[in-house]
Amino acid sequence: MKKKALVVDDNANNLLLEKDLLEVAGFEVFEAQNASSGIAIAGKEKPDIIIMDVRLPDMRGSEAARILRQDKKTCDIPIVFVTASVMAE
């Protein structure tokens, strides 16, 4: 059975790259372009790992992670934050 990964990123190029890398590594990959969709998919699919952009259009990745940590179904899923931002913040 394949491991599952969820990629949450609003940048289509980054999403494609992350998805391709994970598929080459043998993961079944689910995609979301905003945090709300990512939270819903995580609850439904229960991925083995979540790759999440820090800056998303509807909320920050850290807020989405906080929501995921409060849900019994998703609280133990590892979350890796990524960003393409070069801003000081």
N, C-alpha and C. Protein backbone atom coordinates (compact mmCIF):
# COMPACT_ATOMS: atom_id res chain seq x y z
N MET A 1 0.84 -1.18 0.00
CA MET A 1 0.00 0.00 0.00
C MET A 1 0.89 1.25 0.00
N LYS A 2 0.60 2.17 -0.91
CA LYS A 2 1.39 3.38 -1.03
C LYS A 2 1.17 4.30 0.16
N LYS A 3 2.22 5.00 0.54
CA LYS A 3 2.09 6.06 1.53
C LYS A 3 1.37 7.22 0.87
N LYS A 4 0.65 8.00 1.68
CA LYS A 4 -0.10 9.14 1.17
C LYS A 4 0.56 10.44 1.62
N ALA A 5 0.59 11.40 0.71
CA ALA A 5 1.10 12.74 1.03
C ALA A 5 0.07 13.76 0.56
N LEU A 6 -0.05 14.82 1.32
CA LEU A 6 -0.90 15.95 0.95
C LEU A 6 -0.01 17.16 0.75
N VAL A 7 -0.13 17.81 -0.40
CA VAL A 7 0.62 19.02 -0.69
C VAL A 7 -0.38 20.18 -0.72
N VAL A 8 -0.12 21.19 0.10
CA VAL A 8 -0.98 22.37 0.16
C VAL A 8 -0.14 23.57 -0.26
N ASP A 9 -0.40 24.09 -1.46
CA ASP A 9 0.39 25.20 -1.99
C ASP A 9 -0.44 25.94 -3.03
N ASP A 10 -0.46 27.26 -2.96
CA ASP A 10 -1.26 28.04 -3.91
C ASP A 10 -0.49 28.39 -5.18
N ASN A 11 0.79 28.09 -5.24
CA ASN A 11 1.59 28.34 -6.42
C ASN A 11 1.60 27.07 -7.28
N ALA A 12 1.02 27.15 -8.47
CA ALA A 12 0.87 25.97 -9.32
C ALA A 12 2.21 25.32 -9.67
N ASN A 13 3.24 26.12 -9.91
CA ASN A 13 4.56 25.55 -10.24
C ASN A 13 5.15 24.79 -9.06
N ASN A 14 5.05 25.36 -7.86
CA ASN A 14 5.56 24.69 -6.67
C ASN A 14 4.78 23.42 -6.38
N LEU A 15 3.47 23.50 -6.55
CA LEU A 15 2.61 22.34 -6.32
C LEU A 15 3.00 21.19 -7.25
N LEU A 16 3.21 21.50 -8.51
CA LEU A 16 3.60 20.48 -9.48
C LEU A 16 4.95 19.86 -9.13
N LEU A 17 5.91 20.70 -8.77
CA LEU A 17 7.24 20.20 -8.41
C LEU A 17 7.17 19.30 -7.18
N GLU A 18 6.48 19.76 -6.15
CA GLU A 18 6.37 18.97 -4.91
C GLU A 18 5.66 17.65 -5.19
N LYS A 19 4.60 17.71 -5.98
CA LYS A 19 3.85 16.49 -6.32
C LYS A 19 4.74 15.51 -7.08
N ASP A 20 5.45 16.01 -8.09
CA ASP A 20 6.32 15.14 -8.89
C ASP A 20 7.38 14.46 -8.02
N LEU A 21 8.01 15.23 -7.14
CA LEU A 21 9.06 14.67 -6.28
C LEU A 21 8.50 13.58 -5.37
N LEU A 22 7.32 13.83 -4.82
CA LEU A 22 6.72 12.84 -3.93
C LEU A 22 6.26 11.58 -4.68
N GLU A 23 5.74 11.76 -5.88
CA GLU A 23 5.32 10.60 -6.68
C GLU A 23 6.52 9.75 -7.06
N VAL A 24 7.63 10.38 -7.41
CA VAL A 24 8.85 9.63 -7.73
C VAL A 24 9.32 8.83 -6.51
N ALA A 25 9.07 9.38 -5.32
CA ALA A 25 9.45 8.69 -4.08
C ALA A 25 8.43 7.61 -3.68
N GLY A 26 7.38 7.45 -4.49
CA GLY A 26 6.43 6.38 -4.25
C GLY A 26 5.17 6.75 -3.49
N PHE A 27 4.91 8.03 -3.29
CA PHE A 27 3.71 8.47 -2.57
C PHE A 27 2.51 8.61 -3.50
N GLU A 28 1.34 8.37 -2.97
CA GLU A 28 0.10 8.78 -3.59
C GLU A 28 -0.11 10.22 -3.11
N VAL A 29 -0.28 11.16 -4.03
CA VAL A 29 -0.29 12.57 -3.65
C VAL A 29 -1.67 13.19 -3.84
N PHE A 30 -2.10 13.91 -2.82
CA PHE A 30 -3.33 14.69 -2.86
C PHE A 30 -2.92 16.16 -2.86
N GLU A 31 -3.70 16.99 -3.53
CA GLU A 31 -3.34 18.41 -3.68
C GLU A 31 -4.44 19.32 -3.17
N ALA A 32 -4.01 20.46 -2.62
CA ALA A 32 -4.94 21.52 -2.24
C ALA A 32 -4.26 22.85 -2.51
N GLN A 33 -5.03 23.84 -2.96
CA GLN A 33 -4.46 25.15 -3.26
C GLN A 33 -4.76 26.18 -2.19
N ASN A 34 -5.44 25.76 -1.11
CA ASN A 34 -5.64 26.66 0.02
C ASN A 34 -5.75 25.82 1.29
N ALA A 35 -5.65 26.49 2.42
CA ALA A 35 -5.62 25.79 3.70
C ALA A 35 -6.93 25.09 4.00
N SER A 36 -8.05 25.72 3.72
CA SER A 36 -9.35 25.12 4.02
C SER A 36 -9.53 23.79 3.30
N SER A 37 -9.19 23.76 2.02
CA SER A 37 -9.27 22.51 1.26
C SER A 37 -8.29 21.48 1.80
N GLY A 38 -7.11 21.93 2.16
CA GLY A 38 -6.10 21.04 2.72
C GLY A 38 -6.57 20.38 4.01
N ILE A 39 -7.19 21.17 4.88
CA ILE A 39 -7.71 20.63 6.14
C ILE A 39 -8.78 19.58 5.86
N ALA A 40 -9.67 19.87 4.92
CA ALA A 40 -10.74 18.92 4.58
C ALA A 40 -10.16 17.63 4.00
N ILE A 41 -9.20 17.74 3.10
CA ILE A 41 -8.59 16.56 2.49
C ILE A 41 -7.84 15.75 3.54
N ALA A 42 -7.14 16.43 4.42
CA ALA A 42 -6.40 15.73 5.48
C ALA A 42 -7.35 14.90 6.35
N GLY A 43 -8.50 15.45 6.69
CA GLY A 43 -9.46 14.72 7.50
C GLY A 43 -10.04 13.52 6.78
N LYS A 44 -10.23 13.65 5.48
CA LYS A 44 -10.81 12.57 4.68
C LYS A 44 -9.79 11.48 4.35
N GLU A 45 -8.61 11.88 3.88
CA GLU A 45 -7.62 10.93 3.37
C GLU A 45 -6.61 10.45 4.41
N LYS A 46 -6.45 11.18 5.49
CA LYS A 46 -5.49 10.87 6.55
C LYS A 46 -4.10 10.54 5.97
N PRO A 47 -3.46 11.54 5.34
CA PRO A 47 -2.15 11.29 4.73
C PRO A 47 -1.08 10.96 5.78
N ASP A 48 0.00 10.37 5.31
CA ASP A 48 1.13 10.06 6.19
C ASP A 48 1.98 11.29 6.46
N ILE A 49 1.91 12.28 5.58
CA ILE A 49 2.67 13.52 5.73
C ILE A 49 1.94 14.64 4.99
N ILE A 50 2.10 15.86 5.50
CA ILE A 50 1.54 17.04 4.84
C ILE A 50 2.68 17.99 4.54
N ILE A 51 2.78 18.43 3.30
CA ILE A 51 3.73 19.45 2.88
C ILE A 51 2.91 20.72 2.68
N MET A 52 3.17 21.76 3.48
CA MET A 52 2.30 22.93 3.46
C MET A 52 3.08 24.23 3.29
N ASP A 53 2.60 25.04 2.38
CA ASP A 53 3.15 26.37 2.17
C ASP A 53 2.88 27.21 3.42
N VAL A 54 3.78 28.10 3.72
CA VAL A 54 3.62 28.98 4.88
C VAL A 54 2.56 30.05 4.60
N ARG A 55 2.57 30.58 3.38
CA ARG A 55 1.64 31.66 3.01
C ARG A 55 0.61 31.13 2.05
N LEU A 56 -0.63 31.05 2.51
CA LEU A 56 -1.74 30.56 1.69
C LEU A 56 -2.79 31.66 1.59
N PRO A 57 -3.63 31.61 0.57
CA PRO A 57 -4.56 32.72 0.34
C PRO A 57 -5.62 32.91 1.43
N ASP A 58 -6.04 31.83 2.09
CA ASP A 58 -7.13 31.96 3.06
C ASP A 58 -6.68 32.01 4.51
N MET A 59 -5.49 31.48 4.82
CA MET A 59 -4.93 31.58 6.17
C MET A 59 -3.47 31.15 6.12
N ARG A 60 -2.74 31.49 7.13
CA ARG A 60 -1.33 31.09 7.20
C ARG A 60 -1.24 29.58 7.45
N GLY A 61 -0.18 28.99 6.97
CA GLY A 61 0.03 27.56 7.19
C GLY A 61 0.09 27.21 8.66
N SER A 62 0.63 28.10 9.47
CA SER A 62 0.71 27.83 10.92
C SER A 62 -0.68 27.75 11.55
N GLU A 63 -1.62 28.55 11.08
CA GLU A 63 -2.99 28.49 11.59
C GLU A 63 -3.65 27.18 11.15
N ALA A 64 -3.42 26.78 9.90
CA ALA A 64 -3.96 25.50 9.42
C ALA A 64 -3.40 24.34 10.25
N ALA A 65 -2.12 24.40 10.56
CA ALA A 65 -1.50 23.36 11.37
C ALA A 65 -2.13 23.31 12.76
N ARG A 66 -2.42 24.46 13.33
CA ARG A 66 -3.06 24.52 14.64
C ARG A 66 -4.43 23.82 14.60
N ILE A 67 -5.17 24.06 13.53
CA ILE A 67 -6.48 23.41 13.36
C ILE A 67 -6.32 21.89 13.22
N LEU A 68 -5.34 21.48 12.42
CA LEU A 68 -5.09 20.05 12.23
C LEU A 68 -4.67 19.38 13.55
N ARG A 69 -3.92 20.06 14.37
CA ARG A 69 -3.45 19.51 15.65
C ARG A 69 -4.59 19.35 16.67
N GLN A 70 -5.68 20.08 16.48
CA GLN A 70 -6.81 20.01 17.40
C GLN A 70 -7.80 18.92 17.04
N ASP A 71 -7.62 18.27 15.90
CA ASP A 71 -8.53 17.23 15.42
C ASP A 71 -7.90 15.86 15.69
N LYS A 72 -8.65 14.96 16.33
CA LYS A 72 -8.12 13.63 16.65
C LYS A 72 -7.68 12.85 15.40
N LYS A 73 -8.36 13.09 14.28
CA LYS A 73 -8.04 12.35 13.05
C LYS A 73 -6.72 12.81 12.43
N THR A 74 -6.32 14.05 12.68
CA THR A 74 -5.15 14.60 11.99
C THR A 74 -4.04 15.07 12.93
N CYS A 75 -4.22 14.93 14.22
CA CYS A 75 -3.26 15.52 15.17
C CYS A 75 -1.87 14.91 15.12
N ASP A 76 -1.73 13.69 14.64
CA ASP A 76 -0.42 13.03 14.62
C ASP A 76 0.28 13.05 13.26
N ILE A 77 -0.32 13.69 12.27
CA ILE A 77 0.28 13.73 10.94
C ILE A 77 1.44 14.73 10.93
N PRO A 78 2.64 14.30 10.53
CA PRO A 78 3.76 15.24 10.42
C PRO A 78 3.47 16.31 9.37
N ILE A 79 3.83 17.55 9.68
CA ILE A 79 3.65 18.66 8.76
C ILE A 79 5.00 19.29 8.49
N VAL A 80 5.33 19.41 7.21
CA VAL A 80 6.57 20.07 6.79
C VAL A 80 6.17 21.37 6.11
N PHE A 81 6.68 22.49 6.61
CA PHE A 81 6.38 23.78 6.02
C PHE A 81 7.41 24.11 4.94
N VAL A 82 6.92 24.68 3.83
CA VAL A 82 7.79 25.12 2.75
C VAL A 82 7.38 26.54 2.38
N THR A 83 8.32 27.27 1.81
CA THR A 83 7.99 28.59 1.29
C THR A 83 8.98 28.95 0.18
N ALA A 84 8.48 29.68 -0.78
CA ALA A 84 9.34 30.19 -1.84
C ALA A 84 9.61 31.66 -1.62
N SER A 85 9.10 32.18 -0.51
CA SER A 85 9.23 33.61 -0.21
C SER A 85 10.66 33.97 0.16
N VAL A 86 11.09 35.09 -0.33
CA VAL A 86 12.42 35.59 0.01
C VAL A 86 12.31 36.87 0.86
N MET A 87 11.10 37.12 1.37
CA MET A 87 10.87 38.30 2.20
C MET A 87 11.46 38.06 3.59
N ALA A 88 11.82 39.11 4.28
CA ALA A 88 12.44 39.03 5.60
C ALA A 88 11.55 38.35 6.62
N GLU A 89 10.22 38.53 6.52
CA GLU A 89 9.33 37.90 7.50
C GLU A 89 9.38 36.41 7.41
